[in-house]
Amino acid sequence: MSAILKQPALRFRPMQDTDLDEIIAIERRCYRYPWTRLIFNDCLRVGYCCWVCERLGVIEGYGVTSVAAGESHLLNLCVRPDSQQQGIGRKLLLHLISLARRQNAEMMFLEVRPTNLAARALYESMGFNELGSRRDYYPADLGREDALILGRVL
């Protein structure tokens, strides 16, 4: 009989400037067209809801949302490649939804690439529904790619 190894607990905390080297490295491993340091700096500077999920001091994932006028917009949600498929993205999204509710948001919106099947499956399993699309939203190898707009009531 083998013992089941229990993973150390995940911890959520606000993103800090000192996290950006690690976040940029994760971003570059996960996306063909990653966010830049300037984008993350701007999100921190303007006071967006920027959080990391870490285990034993290692950032496992991060998320960025904006909240205004009763709405929250998920701008970025990412889990390091070697930690994917462990429920971290779901836990991080639940945390961001909880924070948006505390700021009196009634809806959360996001954009997702139609080709990002793993992200779409997560969002749909969390109650997000397709509301429309944004033409030529994302950079792509052969020009631009449309985005699906998803939303859910909080």
N, C-alpha and C. Protein backbone atom coordinates (compact mmCIF):
# COMPACT_ATOMS: atom_id res chain seq x y z
N MET A 1 0.83 -1.17 0.00
CA MET A 1 0.00 0.00 0.00
C MET A 1 0.89 1.25 0.00
N SER A 2 0.66 2.12 -0.96
CA SER A 2 1.48 3.33 -1.03
C SER A 2 0.78 4.49 -0.35
N ALA A 3 1.58 5.32 0.28
CA ALA A 3 1.03 6.49 0.97
C ALA A 3 0.74 7.59 -0.05
N ILE A 4 -0.37 8.27 0.15
CA ILE A 4 -0.71 9.40 -0.71
C ILE A 4 -0.01 10.63 -0.16
N LEU A 5 0.80 11.24 -1.01
CA LEU A 5 1.53 12.43 -0.60
C LEU A 5 0.62 13.65 -0.71
N LYS A 6 0.52 14.37 0.37
CA LYS A 6 -0.32 15.57 0.37
C LYS A 6 0.53 16.77 -0.06
N GLN A 7 0.01 17.51 -1.04
CA GLN A 7 0.69 18.72 -1.51
C GLN A 7 0.61 19.80 -0.44
N PRO A 8 1.66 20.60 -0.28
CA PRO A 8 1.55 21.76 0.61
C PRO A 8 0.42 22.68 0.12
N ALA A 9 -0.15 23.42 1.02
CA ALA A 9 -1.30 24.28 0.71
C ALA A 9 -0.92 25.40 -0.26
N LEU A 10 -1.89 25.76 -1.08
CA LEU A 10 -1.76 26.93 -1.94
C LEU A 10 -2.07 28.16 -1.10
N ARG A 11 -1.41 29.25 -1.44
CA ARG A 11 -1.63 30.51 -0.73
C ARG A 11 -1.85 31.60 -1.77
N PHE A 12 -2.86 32.43 -1.54
CA PHE A 12 -3.15 33.56 -2.42
C PHE A 12 -2.66 34.83 -1.74
N ARG A 13 -2.05 35.69 -2.54
CA ARG A 13 -1.60 36.99 -2.02
C ARG A 13 -1.55 37.99 -3.17
N PRO A 14 -1.61 39.28 -2.82
CA PRO A 14 -1.52 40.30 -3.87
C PRO A 14 -0.18 40.22 -4.61
N MET A 15 -0.24 40.45 -5.91
CA MET A 15 0.97 40.48 -6.74
C MET A 15 1.80 41.70 -6.35
N GLN A 16 3.12 41.52 -6.43
CA GLN A 16 4.05 42.61 -6.11
C GLN A 16 5.01 42.80 -7.27
N ASP A 17 5.62 43.98 -7.33
CA ASP A 17 6.63 44.25 -8.37
C ASP A 17 7.72 43.18 -8.38
N THR A 18 8.08 42.72 -7.20
CA THR A 18 9.17 41.74 -7.10
C THR A 18 8.78 40.37 -7.67
N ASP A 19 7.50 40.15 -7.97
CA ASP A 19 7.04 38.90 -8.58
C ASP A 19 7.19 38.89 -10.09
N LEU A 20 7.42 40.05 -10.68
CA LEU A 20 7.29 40.16 -12.13
C LEU A 20 8.31 39.35 -12.92
N ASP A 21 9.53 39.16 -12.43
CA ASP A 21 10.48 38.32 -13.17
C ASP A 21 9.93 36.90 -13.33
N GLU A 22 9.42 36.34 -12.23
CA GLU A 22 8.87 34.99 -12.27
C GLU A 22 7.59 34.94 -13.11
N ILE A 23 6.75 35.94 -13.00
CA ILE A 23 5.50 35.99 -13.76
C ILE A 23 5.79 36.10 -15.26
N ILE A 24 6.72 36.95 -15.63
CA ILE A 24 7.07 37.11 -17.05
C ILE A 24 7.62 35.79 -17.60
N ALA A 25 8.41 35.08 -16.81
CA ALA A 25 8.94 33.78 -17.26
C ALA A 25 7.80 32.79 -17.50
N ILE A 26 6.83 32.75 -16.60
CA ILE A 26 5.66 31.87 -16.77
C ILE A 26 4.86 32.30 -18.00
N GLU A 27 4.62 33.58 -18.12
CA GLU A 27 3.85 34.13 -19.24
C GLU A 27 4.47 33.72 -20.57
N ARG A 28 5.79 33.81 -20.66
CA ARG A 28 6.48 33.48 -21.91
C ARG A 28 6.43 31.99 -22.22
N ARG A 29 6.36 31.16 -21.18
CA ARG A 29 6.26 29.71 -21.40
C ARG A 29 4.85 29.31 -21.81
N CYS A 30 3.86 30.09 -21.41
CA CYS A 30 2.46 29.71 -21.64
C CYS A 30 1.86 30.29 -22.92
N TYR A 31 2.33 31.44 -23.34
CA TYR A 31 1.67 32.13 -24.45
C TYR A 31 2.63 32.46 -25.57
N ARG A 32 2.15 32.32 -26.77
CA ARG A 32 2.92 32.71 -27.95
C ARG A 32 3.06 34.23 -28.01
N TYR A 33 2.05 34.93 -27.52
CA TYR A 33 2.05 36.40 -27.50
C TYR A 33 1.82 36.85 -26.05
N PRO A 34 2.86 36.78 -25.23
CA PRO A 34 2.70 37.06 -23.79
C PRO A 34 2.55 38.54 -23.50
N TRP A 35 1.94 38.80 -22.33
CA TRP A 35 1.92 40.16 -21.82
C TRP A 35 3.36 40.59 -21.53
N THR A 36 3.61 41.88 -21.63
CA THR A 36 4.93 42.42 -21.33
C THR A 36 4.99 42.88 -19.87
N ARG A 37 6.19 43.13 -19.41
CA ARG A 37 6.38 43.68 -18.06
C ARG A 37 5.63 45.01 -17.93
N LEU A 38 5.65 45.82 -18.98
CA LEU A 38 4.96 47.11 -18.95
C LEU A 38 3.47 46.93 -18.69
N ILE A 39 2.86 45.94 -19.30
CA ILE A 39 1.42 45.70 -19.08
C ILE A 39 1.17 45.34 -17.62
N PHE A 40 1.98 44.43 -17.07
CA PHE A 40 1.81 44.07 -15.65
C PHE A 40 2.07 45.27 -14.75
N ASN A 41 3.11 46.04 -15.06
CA ASN A 41 3.39 47.25 -14.26
C ASN A 41 2.21 48.20 -14.28
N ASP A 42 1.62 48.39 -15.45
CA ASP A 42 0.46 49.29 -15.56
C ASP A 42 -0.72 48.77 -14.74
N CYS A 43 -0.95 47.46 -14.78
CA CYS A 43 -2.06 46.88 -14.01
C CYS A 43 -1.85 47.11 -12.51
N LEU A 44 -0.63 46.94 -12.04
CA LEU A 44 -0.32 47.18 -10.63
C LEU A 44 -0.47 48.67 -10.30
N ARG A 45 0.03 49.53 -11.19
CA ARG A 45 0.02 50.97 -10.95
C ARG A 45 -1.39 51.53 -10.84
N VAL A 46 -2.30 51.07 -11.69
CA VAL A 46 -3.66 51.63 -11.68
C VAL A 46 -4.56 50.95 -10.65
N GLY A 47 -4.03 49.96 -9.95
CA GLY A 47 -4.78 49.35 -8.86
C GLY A 47 -5.72 48.22 -9.26
N TYR A 48 -5.45 47.57 -10.39
CA TYR A 48 -6.24 46.40 -10.74
C TYR A 48 -6.04 45.33 -9.68
N CYS A 49 -6.94 44.39 -9.64
CA CYS A 49 -6.89 43.27 -8.70
C CYS A 49 -5.91 42.24 -9.27
N CYS A 50 -4.67 42.28 -8.79
CA CYS A 50 -3.59 41.42 -9.30
C CYS A 50 -3.15 40.48 -8.19
N TRP A 51 -3.34 39.18 -8.40
CA TRP A 51 -3.06 38.18 -7.36
C TRP A 51 -2.19 37.06 -7.89
N VAL A 52 -1.41 36.49 -6.99
CA VAL A 52 -0.65 35.28 -7.30
C VAL A 52 -1.12 34.15 -6.39
N CYS A 53 -0.96 32.97 -6.90
CA CYS A 53 -1.21 31.75 -6.13
C CYS A 53 0.14 31.06 -6.03
N GLU A 54 0.59 30.82 -4.80
CA GLU A 54 1.91 30.23 -4.63
C GLU A 54 1.87 29.03 -3.69
N ARG A 55 2.88 28.21 -3.84
CA ARG A 55 3.07 27.05 -2.96
C ARG A 55 4.55 27.01 -2.62
N LEU A 56 4.84 27.05 -1.33
CA LEU A 56 6.23 27.02 -0.85
C LEU A 56 7.08 28.11 -1.51
N GLY A 57 6.48 29.30 -1.68
CA GLY A 57 7.22 30.43 -2.22
C GLY A 57 7.37 30.44 -3.74
N VAL A 58 6.80 29.45 -4.43
CA VAL A 58 6.88 29.38 -5.89
C VAL A 58 5.52 29.79 -6.46
N ILE A 59 5.53 30.72 -7.39
CA ILE A 59 4.28 31.15 -8.01
C ILE A 59 3.78 30.05 -8.94
N GLU A 60 2.60 29.54 -8.64
CA GLU A 60 1.97 28.48 -9.44
C GLU A 60 1.06 29.08 -10.50
N GLY A 61 0.52 30.27 -10.23
CA GLY A 61 -0.37 30.93 -11.18
C GLY A 61 -0.65 32.35 -10.72
N TYR A 62 -1.32 33.09 -11.58
CA TYR A 62 -1.64 34.48 -11.27
C TYR A 62 -2.86 34.90 -12.06
N GLY A 63 -3.49 35.96 -11.60
CA GLY A 63 -4.65 36.48 -12.28
C GLY A 63 -4.76 37.98 -12.10
N VAL A 64 -5.38 38.62 -13.09
CA VAL A 64 -5.57 40.07 -13.07
C VAL A 64 -7.01 40.36 -13.47
N THR A 65 -7.71 41.13 -12.64
CA THR A 65 -9.05 41.58 -12.98
C THR A 65 -9.16 43.07 -12.74
N SER A 66 -10.12 43.68 -13.42
CA SER A 66 -10.49 45.06 -13.13
C SER A 66 -11.94 45.01 -12.65
N VAL A 67 -12.28 45.93 -11.78
CA VAL A 67 -13.66 46.02 -11.28
C VAL A 67 -14.07 47.48 -11.31
N ALA A 68 -15.21 47.73 -11.96
CA ALA A 68 -15.77 49.09 -12.02
C ALA A 68 -17.23 49.00 -12.41
N ALA A 69 -18.02 49.90 -11.89
CA ALA A 69 -19.43 50.04 -12.27
C ALA A 69 -20.20 48.73 -12.19
N GLY A 70 -19.92 47.94 -11.14
CA GLY A 70 -20.67 46.70 -10.94
C GLY A 70 -20.26 45.55 -11.82
N GLU A 71 -19.16 45.73 -12.56
CA GLU A 71 -18.68 44.67 -13.45
C GLU A 71 -17.22 44.38 -13.17
N SER A 72 -16.86 43.11 -13.35
CA SER A 72 -15.47 42.69 -13.25
C SER A 72 -15.06 42.14 -14.61
N HIS A 73 -13.82 42.40 -14.98
CA HIS A 73 -13.30 41.91 -16.25
C HIS A 73 -12.03 41.11 -15.95
N LEU A 74 -12.05 39.82 -16.26
CA LEU A 74 -10.87 38.98 -16.10
C LEU A 74 -9.94 39.27 -17.26
N LEU A 75 -8.78 39.81 -16.97
CA LEU A 75 -7.85 40.24 -18.00
C LEU A 75 -6.77 39.20 -18.27
N ASN A 76 -6.38 38.44 -17.25
CA ASN A 76 -5.34 37.44 -17.42
C ASN A 76 -5.50 36.40 -16.33
N LEU A 77 -5.41 35.14 -16.70
CA LEU A 77 -5.40 34.02 -15.76
C LEU A 77 -4.43 33.01 -16.32
N CYS A 78 -3.42 32.66 -15.56
CA CYS A 78 -2.37 31.79 -16.08
C CYS A 78 -1.83 30.90 -14.98
N VAL A 79 -1.54 29.65 -15.34
CA VAL A 79 -0.93 28.68 -14.43
C VAL A 79 0.34 28.16 -15.09
N ARG A 80 1.41 28.08 -14.31
CA ARG A 80 2.68 27.61 -14.86
C ARG A 80 2.47 26.24 -15.52
N PRO A 81 3.12 25.96 -16.65
CA PRO A 81 2.85 24.74 -17.40
C PRO A 81 2.97 23.45 -16.60
N ASP A 82 3.98 23.32 -15.75
CA ASP A 82 4.18 22.08 -14.99
C ASP A 82 3.20 21.94 -13.83
N SER A 83 2.34 22.95 -13.61
CA SER A 83 1.34 22.87 -12.54
C SER A 83 -0.09 22.85 -13.08
N GLN A 84 -0.22 22.78 -14.40
CA GLN A 84 -1.56 22.76 -14.99
C GLN A 84 -2.22 21.41 -14.76
N GLN A 85 -3.54 21.38 -14.90
CA GLN A 85 -4.37 20.19 -14.72
C GLN A 85 -4.36 19.68 -13.27
N GLN A 86 -4.16 20.60 -12.32
CA GLN A 86 -4.19 20.26 -10.90
C GLN A 86 -5.26 21.04 -10.14
N GLY A 87 -6.09 21.78 -10.86
CA GLY A 87 -7.15 22.55 -10.23
C GLY A 87 -6.73 23.93 -9.76
N ILE A 88 -5.50 24.33 -10.06
CA ILE A 88 -5.01 25.63 -9.60
C ILE A 88 -5.73 26.77 -10.31
N GLY A 89 -5.95 26.64 -11.60
CA GLY A 89 -6.67 27.67 -12.35
C GLY A 89 -8.07 27.87 -11.81
N ARG A 90 -8.75 26.77 -11.49
CA ARG A 90 -10.11 26.84 -10.93
C ARG A 90 -10.09 27.54 -9.58
N LYS A 91 -9.14 27.18 -8.70
CA LYS A 91 -9.06 27.81 -7.39
C LYS A 91 -8.73 29.29 -7.49
N LEU A 92 -7.86 29.62 -8.41
CA LEU A 92 -7.50 31.02 -8.61
C LEU A 92 -8.69 31.81 -9.15
N LEU A 93 -9.42 31.24 -10.09
CA LEU A 93 -10.61 31.91 -10.62
C LEU A 93 -11.67 32.09 -9.53
N LEU A 94 -11.87 31.07 -8.71
CA LEU A 94 -12.82 31.20 -7.59
C LEU A 94 -12.41 32.33 -6.65
N HIS A 95 -11.12 32.44 -6.39
CA HIS A 95 -10.62 33.51 -5.53
C HIS A 95 -10.91 34.88 -6.16
N LEU A 96 -10.65 35.02 -7.46
CA LEU A 96 -10.88 36.30 -8.13
C LEU A 96 -12.37 36.64 -8.19
N ILE A 97 -13.22 35.63 -8.36
CA ILE A 97 -14.66 35.86 -8.33
C ILE A 97 -15.09 36.34 -6.95
N SER A 98 -14.55 35.73 -5.91
CA SER A 98 -14.87 36.13 -4.55
C SER A 98 -14.46 37.59 -4.29
N LEU A 99 -13.29 37.96 -4.75
CA LEU A 99 -12.83 39.34 -4.59
C LEU A 99 -13.72 40.31 -5.36
N ALA A 100 -14.14 39.94 -6.55
CA ALA A 100 -15.01 40.81 -7.35
C ALA A 100 -16.36 41.00 -6.65
N ARG A 101 -16.88 39.92 -6.07
CA ARG A 101 -18.15 40.03 -5.32
C ARG A 101 -18.00 41.00 -4.15
N ARG A 102 -16.86 40.93 -3.45
CA ARG A 102 -16.63 41.82 -2.32
C ARG A 102 -16.56 43.28 -2.74
N GLN A 103 -16.24 43.50 -4.02
CA GLN A 103 -16.20 44.87 -4.56
C GLN A 103 -17.52 45.22 -5.26
N ASN A 104 -18.56 44.43 -4.95
CA ASN A 104 -19.92 44.66 -5.45
C ASN A 104 -20.09 44.49 -6.95
N ALA A 105 -19.22 43.69 -7.57
CA ALA A 105 -19.43 43.36 -8.99
C ALA A 105 -20.57 42.35 -9.09
N GLU A 106 -21.41 42.53 -10.07
CA GLU A 106 -22.54 41.63 -10.29
C GLU A 106 -22.32 40.71 -11.47
N MET A 107 -21.37 41.06 -12.35
CA MET A 107 -21.05 40.27 -13.54
C MET A 107 -19.54 40.19 -13.69
N MET A 108 -19.07 39.10 -14.30
CA MET A 108 -17.67 39.01 -14.69
C MET A 108 -17.64 38.66 -16.18
N PHE A 109 -16.78 39.36 -16.90
CA PHE A 109 -16.60 39.15 -18.33
C PHE A 109 -15.14 38.77 -18.60
N LEU A 110 -14.91 38.14 -19.74
CA LEU A 110 -13.56 37.81 -20.17
C LEU A 110 -13.56 37.57 -21.67
N GLU A 111 -12.38 37.64 -22.26
CA GLU A 111 -12.17 37.22 -23.64
C GLU A 111 -11.28 35.99 -23.63
N VAL A 112 -11.52 35.09 -24.57
CA VAL A 112 -10.72 33.89 -24.69
C VAL A 112 -10.58 33.54 -26.17
N ARG A 113 -9.42 33.02 -26.52
CA ARG A 113 -9.23 32.56 -27.90
C ARG A 113 -10.14 31.35 -28.15
N PRO A 114 -10.82 31.30 -29.28
CA PRO A 114 -11.62 30.11 -29.59
C PRO A 114 -10.78 28.84 -29.62
N THR A 115 -9.49 28.96 -29.92
CA THR A 115 -8.59 27.81 -30.01
C THR A 115 -8.06 27.35 -28.65
N ASN A 116 -8.29 28.13 -27.59
CA ASN A 116 -7.80 27.77 -26.26
C ASN A 116 -8.84 26.88 -25.57
N LEU A 117 -8.85 25.62 -25.97
CA LEU A 117 -9.89 24.69 -25.52
C LEU A 117 -9.84 24.42 -24.02
N ALA A 118 -8.66 24.37 -23.44
CA ALA A 118 -8.55 24.11 -22.00
C ALA A 118 -9.15 25.26 -21.19
N ALA A 119 -8.84 26.49 -21.59
CA ALA A 119 -9.40 27.65 -20.89
C ALA A 119 -10.91 27.71 -21.08
N ARG A 120 -11.36 27.46 -22.28
CA ARG A 120 -12.81 27.49 -22.53
C ARG A 120 -13.54 26.46 -21.67
N ALA A 121 -12.95 25.27 -21.56
CA ALA A 121 -13.57 24.23 -20.74
C ALA A 121 -13.65 24.65 -19.28
N LEU A 122 -12.58 25.26 -18.76
CA LEU A 122 -12.59 25.75 -17.39
C LEU A 122 -13.69 26.80 -17.21
N TYR A 123 -13.71 27.79 -18.07
CA TYR A 123 -14.68 28.87 -17.92
C TYR A 123 -16.12 28.36 -18.03
N GLU A 124 -16.37 27.48 -18.99
CA GLU A 124 -17.72 26.93 -19.14
C GLU A 124 -18.12 26.11 -17.92
N SER A 125 -17.17 25.37 -17.35
CA SER A 125 -17.47 24.58 -16.15
C SER A 125 -17.73 25.46 -14.93
N MET A 126 -17.29 26.71 -15.00
CA MET A 126 -17.48 27.67 -13.91
C MET A 126 -18.68 28.58 -14.15
N GLY A 127 -19.49 28.25 -15.15
CA GLY A 127 -20.72 28.99 -15.37
C GLY A 127 -20.64 30.15 -16.34
N PHE A 128 -19.53 30.31 -17.03
CA PHE A 128 -19.42 31.37 -18.03
C PHE A 128 -20.12 30.93 -19.30
N ASN A 129 -20.81 31.88 -19.93
CA ASN A 129 -21.54 31.61 -21.17
C ASN A 129 -21.03 32.55 -22.26
N GLU A 130 -21.08 32.06 -23.50
CA GLU A 130 -20.65 32.87 -24.63
C GLU A 130 -21.68 33.96 -24.89
N LEU A 131 -21.19 35.21 -24.97
CA LEU A 131 -22.05 36.37 -25.18
C LEU A 131 -21.88 36.99 -26.56
N GLY A 132 -20.75 36.72 -27.19
CA GLY A 132 -20.47 37.32 -28.48
C GLY A 132 -19.01 37.12 -28.83
N SER A 133 -18.51 37.96 -29.73
CA SER A 133 -17.10 37.87 -30.13
C SER A 133 -16.55 39.25 -30.41
N ARG A 134 -15.23 39.34 -30.38
CA ARG A 134 -14.52 40.57 -30.75
C ARG A 134 -13.64 40.22 -31.94
N ARG A 135 -13.89 40.89 -33.04
CA ARG A 135 -13.15 40.61 -34.27
C ARG A 135 -11.69 41.09 -34.15
N ASP A 136 -10.78 40.24 -34.61
CA ASP A 136 -9.35 40.59 -34.68
C ASP A 136 -8.78 41.06 -33.35
N TYR A 137 -9.17 40.42 -32.27
CA TYR A 137 -8.79 40.85 -30.93
C TYR A 137 -7.35 40.46 -30.56
N TYR A 138 -6.97 39.23 -30.89
CA TYR A 138 -5.66 38.70 -30.48
C TYR A 138 -4.67 38.69 -31.64
N PRO A 139 -3.38 38.93 -31.35
CA PRO A 139 -2.37 38.71 -32.39
C PRO A 139 -2.28 37.21 -32.70
N ALA A 140 -1.99 36.90 -33.95
CA ALA A 140 -1.86 35.50 -34.37
C ALA A 140 -0.77 35.41 -35.43
N ASP A 141 -0.36 34.20 -35.73
CA ASP A 141 0.72 34.01 -36.70
C ASP A 141 0.41 34.61 -38.06
N LEU A 142 -0.84 34.51 -38.47
CA LEU A 142 -1.23 35.01 -39.78
C LEU A 142 -2.16 36.22 -39.67
N GLY A 143 -1.79 37.15 -38.81
CA GLY A 143 -2.60 38.36 -38.65
C GLY A 143 -3.22 38.46 -37.28
N ARG A 144 -4.54 38.33 -37.21
CA ARG A 144 -5.26 38.48 -35.95
C ARG A 144 -6.25 37.34 -35.78
N GLU A 145 -6.63 37.08 -34.54
CA GLU A 145 -7.61 36.05 -34.21
C GLU A 145 -8.74 36.68 -33.42
N ASP A 146 -9.96 36.27 -33.71
CA ASP A 146 -11.11 36.77 -32.96
C ASP A 146 -11.06 36.25 -31.53
N ALA A 147 -11.79 36.91 -30.66
CA ALA A 147 -11.95 36.47 -29.27
C ALA A 147 -13.41 36.17 -29.02
N LEU A 148 -13.67 35.15 -28.21
CA LEU A 148 -15.01 34.92 -27.71
C LEU A 148 -15.18 35.73 -26.44
N ILE A 149 -16.31 36.38 -26.28
CA ILE A 149 -16.63 37.10 -25.05
C ILE A 149 -17.50 36.18 -24.20
N LEU A 150 -17.05 35.91 -22.97
CA LEU A 150 -17.80 35.09 -22.05
C LEU A 150 -18.19 35.94 -20.84
N GLY A 151 -19.27 35.57 -20.20
CA GLY A 151 -19.69 36.28 -19.01
C GLY A 151 -20.49 35.39 -18.10
N ARG A 152 -20.56 35.80 -16.83
CA ARG A 152 -21.39 35.08 -15.87
C ARG A 152 -21.83 36.04 -14.77
N VAL A 153 -22.99 35.74 -14.23
CA VAL A 153 -23.49 36.49 -13.09
C VAL A 153 -22.71 36.04 -11.86
N LEU A 154 -22.36 37.00 -11.02
CA LEU A 154 -21.64 36.67 -9.80
C LEU A 154 -22.61 36.52 -8.65
